Amino acid sequence: MPSPIFARLVLLLSLLLCGRAYAVEQVDINSADAATLDRVLLNVGASKAEAIVAYRKAHGAFRSPEQLALVHGIGLKTVEKNRDRIVIGDYAPARRPSAPTVGGGSLPRAANRR
């Protein structure tokens, strides 16, 4: 029969290991750098992580995890495997440039003519 100290030690170690299995590291795909994406996301290596960052810079912030599938090399299966790891942080919609103004007014040149 095992000693009570040994039994407690085994119980403690098993609880620690179980707790780590449920603690999944998460990453904000709108702010993370390529190294972090590579480390946290499953089936995403350095080149795919760099592609995610490049896509985000070119197209703006992601609004949903599914938008990751728009990145070359990332499919919906990869998104599903990482769903519990992906966090969507604050995103600002892409702003379109306003129309040029004349003389500090708010109307374009053609609309100012009479």
C-alpha atoms as a PDB file:
ATOM      1  CA  MET A   1       0.000   0.000   0.000  1.00  0.00           C
ATOM      2  CA  PRO A   2       1.463   3.401  -0.966  1.00  0.00           C
ATOM      3  CA  SER A   3       2.279   5.845   1.745  1.00  0.00           C
ATOM      4  CA  PRO A   4      -0.132   8.779   2.308  1.00  0.00           C
ATOM      5  CA  ILE A   5       2.585  11.254   1.319  1.00  0.00           C
ATOM      6  CA  PHE A   6       3.159   9.470  -1.982  1.00  0.00           C
ATOM      7  CA  ALA A   7      -0.595   9.344  -2.678  1.00  0.00           C
ATOM      8  CA  ARG A   8      -0.921  13.080  -1.989  1.00  0.00           C
ATOM      9  CA  LEU A   9       2.034  13.829  -4.230  1.00  0.00           C
ATOM     10  CA  VAL A  10       0.520  11.817  -7.083  1.00  0.00           C
ATOM     11  CA  LEU A  11      -2.816  13.570  -6.597  1.00  0.00           C
ATOM     12  CA  LEU A  12      -1.180  16.989  -6.580  1.00  0.00           C
ATOM     13  CA  LEU A  13       0.821  16.285  -9.742  1.00  0.00           C
ATOM     14  CA  SER A  14      -2.220  14.952 -11.585  1.00  0.00           C
ATOM     15  CA  LEU A  15      -4.231  18.054 -10.644  1.00  0.00           C
ATOM     16  CA  LEU A  16      -1.432  20.308 -11.888  1.00  0.00           C
ATOM     17  CA  LEU A  17      -1.220  18.436 -15.191  1.00  0.00           C
ATOM     18  CA  CYS A  18      -4.983  18.522 -15.703  1.00  0.00           C
ATOM     19  CA  GLY A  19      -5.104  22.235 -14.995  1.00  0.00           C
ATOM     20  CA  ARG A  20      -2.477  22.895 -17.653  1.00  0.00           C
ATOM     21  CA  ALA A  21      -4.413  20.868 -20.224  1.00  0.00           C
ATOM     22  CA  TYR A  22      -7.373  23.208 -19.937  1.00  0.00           C
ATOM     23  CA  ALA A  23      -5.381  26.444 -19.854  1.00  0.00           C
ATOM     24  CA  VAL A  24      -5.013  27.296 -23.544  1.00  0.00           C
ATOM     25  CA  GLU A  25      -2.952  30.305 -24.475  1.00  0.00           C
ATOM     26  CA  GLN A  26      -4.892  32.809 -26.567  1.00  0.00           C
ATOM     27  CA  VAL A  27      -3.719  35.336 -29.121  1.00  0.00           C
ATOM     28  CA  ASP A  28      -5.289  38.530 -30.451  1.00  0.00           C
ATOM     29  CA  ILE A  29      -4.938  38.148 -34.211  1.00  0.00           C
ATOM     30  CA  ASN A  30      -5.391  41.897 -34.681  1.00  0.00           C
ATOM     31  CA  SER A  31      -2.356  42.896 -32.644  1.00  0.00           C
ATOM     32  CA  ALA A  32      -0.015  39.896 -32.371  1.00  0.00           C
ATOM     33  CA  ASP A  33       3.286  39.796 -34.179  1.00  0.00           C
ATOM     34  CA  ALA A  34       4.313  36.891 -36.403  1.00  0.00           C
ATOM     35  CA  ALA A  35       6.413  35.221 -33.697  1.00  0.00           C
ATOM     36  CA  THR A  36       3.471  35.107 -31.287  1.00  0.00           C
ATOM     37  CA  LEU A  37       1.083  33.792 -33.940  1.00  0.00           C
ATOM     38  CA  ASP A  38       3.641  31.103 -34.833  1.00  0.00           C
ATOM     39  CA  ARG A  39       4.018  30.071 -31.184  1.00  0.00           C
ATOM     40  CA  VAL A  40       0.337  30.020 -30.163  1.00  0.00           C
ATOM     41  CA  LEU A  41      -1.609  28.839 -33.211  1.00  0.00           C
ATOM     42  CA  LEU A  42      -1.614  25.171 -34.201  1.00  0.00           C
ATOM     43  CA  ASN A  43      -0.478  24.295 -37.745  1.00  0.00           C
ATOM     44  CA  VAL A  44       0.717  27.871 -38.297  1.00  0.00           C
ATOM     45  CA  GLY A  45       4.435  28.183 -38.856  1.00  0.00           C
ATOM     46  CA  ALA A  46       6.597  31.232 -39.401  1.00  0.00           C
ATOM     47  CA  SER A  47       5.643  31.773 -43.059  1.00  0.00           C
ATOM     48  CA  LYS A  48       1.883  31.515 -42.413  1.00  0.00           C
ATOM     49  CA  ALA A  49       2.208  33.785 -39.388  1.00  0.00           C
ATOM     50  CA  GLU A  50       3.996  36.373 -41.539  1.00  0.00           C
ATOM     51  CA  ALA A  51       1.243  36.003 -44.162  1.00  0.00           C
ATOM     52  CA  ILE A  52      -1.382  36.736 -41.472  1.00  0.00           C
ATOM     53  CA  VAL A  53       0.431  39.921 -40.427  1.00  0.00           C
ATOM     54  CA  ALA A  54       0.889  41.009 -44.062  1.00  0.00           C
ATOM     55  CA  TYR A  55      -2.806  40.390 -44.825  1.00  0.00           C
ATOM     56  CA  ARG A  56      -3.817  42.378 -41.739  1.00  0.00           C
ATOM     57  CA  LYS A  57      -1.609  45.302 -42.779  1.00  0.00           C
ATOM     58  CA  ALA A  58      -2.983  45.273 -46.334  1.00  0.00           C
ATOM     59  CA  HIS A  59      -6.681  44.705 -45.560  1.00  0.00           C
ATOM     60  CA  GLY A  60      -7.189  45.977 -42.030  1.00  0.00           C
ATOM     61  CA  ALA A  61      -8.167  44.190 -38.856  1.00  0.00           C
ATOM     62  CA  PHE A  62      -9.939  40.853 -38.769  1.00  0.00           C
ATOM     63  CA  ARG A  63     -13.583  41.012 -37.679  1.00  0.00           C
ATOM     64  CA  SER A  64     -14.028  37.284 -37.112  1.00  0.00           C
ATOM     65  CA  PRO A  65     -11.843  34.184 -36.803  1.00  0.00           C
ATOM     66  CA  GLU A  66     -13.253  32.909 -40.108  1.00  0.00           C
ATOM     67  CA  GLN A  67     -11.584  35.790 -41.936  1.00  0.00           C
ATOM     68  CA  LEU A  68      -8.260  34.091 -41.287  1.00  0.00           C
ATOM     69  CA  ALA A  69      -9.245  31.654 -44.032  1.00  0.00           C
ATOM     70  CA  LEU A  70      -8.807  34.540 -46.503  1.00  0.00           C
ATOM     71  CA  VAL A  71      -5.059  34.433 -45.824  1.00  0.00           C
ATOM     72  CA  HIS A  72      -3.165  32.298 -48.337  1.00  0.00           C
ATOM     73  CA  GLY A  73      -2.248  28.998 -46.679  1.00  0.00           C
ATOM     74  CA  ILE A  74      -4.839  29.188 -43.893  1.00  0.00           C
ATOM     75  CA  GLY A  75      -7.968  27.084 -44.291  1.00  0.00           C
ATOM     76  CA  LEU A  76     -11.154  26.691 -42.304  1.00  0.00           C
ATOM     77  CA  LYS A  77      -9.801  23.501 -40.714  1.00  0.00           C
ATOM     78  CA  THR A  78      -6.903  25.483 -39.265  1.00  0.00           C
ATOM     79  CA  VAL A  79      -9.327  28.129 -38.011  1.00  0.00           C
ATOM     80  CA  GLU A  80     -11.472  25.459 -36.322  1.00  0.00           C
ATOM     81  CA  LYS A  81      -8.440  23.833 -34.662  1.00  0.00           C
ATOM     82  CA  ASN A  82      -7.497  27.214 -33.228  1.00  0.00           C
ATOM     83  CA  ARG A  83     -10.941  28.620 -32.399  1.00  0.00           C
ATOM     84  CA  ASP A  84     -10.315  28.527 -28.629  1.00  0.00           C
ATOM     85  CA  ARG A  85      -6.927  30.212 -29.119  1.00  0.00           C
ATOM     86  CA  ILE A  86      -8.108  33.099 -31.318  1.00  0.00           C
ATOM     87  CA  VAL A  87      -9.187  36.401 -29.817  1.00  0.00           C
ATOM     88  CA  ILE A  88     -10.535  39.286 -31.895  1.00  0.00           C
ATOM     89  CA  GLY A  89      -9.367  42.515 -30.300  1.00  0.00           C
ATOM     90  CA  ASP A  90     -10.694  45.959 -31.063  1.00  0.00           C
ATOM     91  CA  TYR A  91     -10.666  46.713 -34.716  1.00  0.00           C
ATOM     92  CA  ALA A  92     -11.203  50.003 -36.464  1.00  0.00           C
ATOM     93  CA  PRO A  93     -12.951  49.811 -39.824  1.00  0.00           C
ATOM     94  CA  ALA A  94     -10.814  51.007 -42.701  1.00  0.00           C
ATOM     95  CA  ARG A  95     -11.356  54.721 -43.218  1.00  0.00           C
ATOM     96  CA  ARG A  96     -11.846  56.014 -46.712  1.00  0.00           C
ATOM     97  CA  PRO A  97     -10.182  59.288 -47.587  1.00  0.00           C
ATOM     98  CA  SER A  98     -12.566  62.211 -47.711  1.00  0.00           C
ATOM     99  CA  ALA A  99     -13.163  64.179 -50.902  1.00  0.00           C
ATOM    100  CA  PRO A 100     -10.734  67.050 -51.488  1.00  0.00           C
ATOM    101  CA  THR A 101     -12.023  70.466 -50.519  1.00  0.00           C
ATOM    102  CA  VAL A 102     -11.549  73.911 -51.990  1.00  0.00           C
ATOM    103  CA  GLY A 103     -10.722  76.951 -49.885  1.00  0.00           C
ATOM    104  CA  GLY A 104     -11.253  75.104 -46.626  1.00  0.00           C
ATOM    105  CA  GLY A 105     -14.931  74.510 -47.426  1.00  0.00           C
ATOM    106  CA  SER A 106     -16.593  71.177 -47.029  1.00  0.00           C
ATOM    107  CA  LEU A 107     -17.897  70.808 -50.589  1.00  0.00           C
ATOM    108  CA  PRO A 108     -15.841  69.533 -53.532  1.00  0.00           C
ATOM    109  CA  ARG A 109     -14.860  72.119 -56.186  1.00  0.00           C
ATOM    110  CA  ALA A 110     -17.585  71.209 -58.699  1.00  0.00           C
ATOM    111  CA  ALA A 111     -20.349  71.735 -56.139  1.00  0.00           C
ATOM    112  CA  ASN A 112     -19.062  75.221 -55.186  1.00  0.00           C
ATOM    113  CA  ARG A 113     -19.621  76.676 -58.685  1.00  0.00           C
ATOM    114  CA  ARG A 114     -22.775  78.645 -59.424  1.00  0.00           C
END
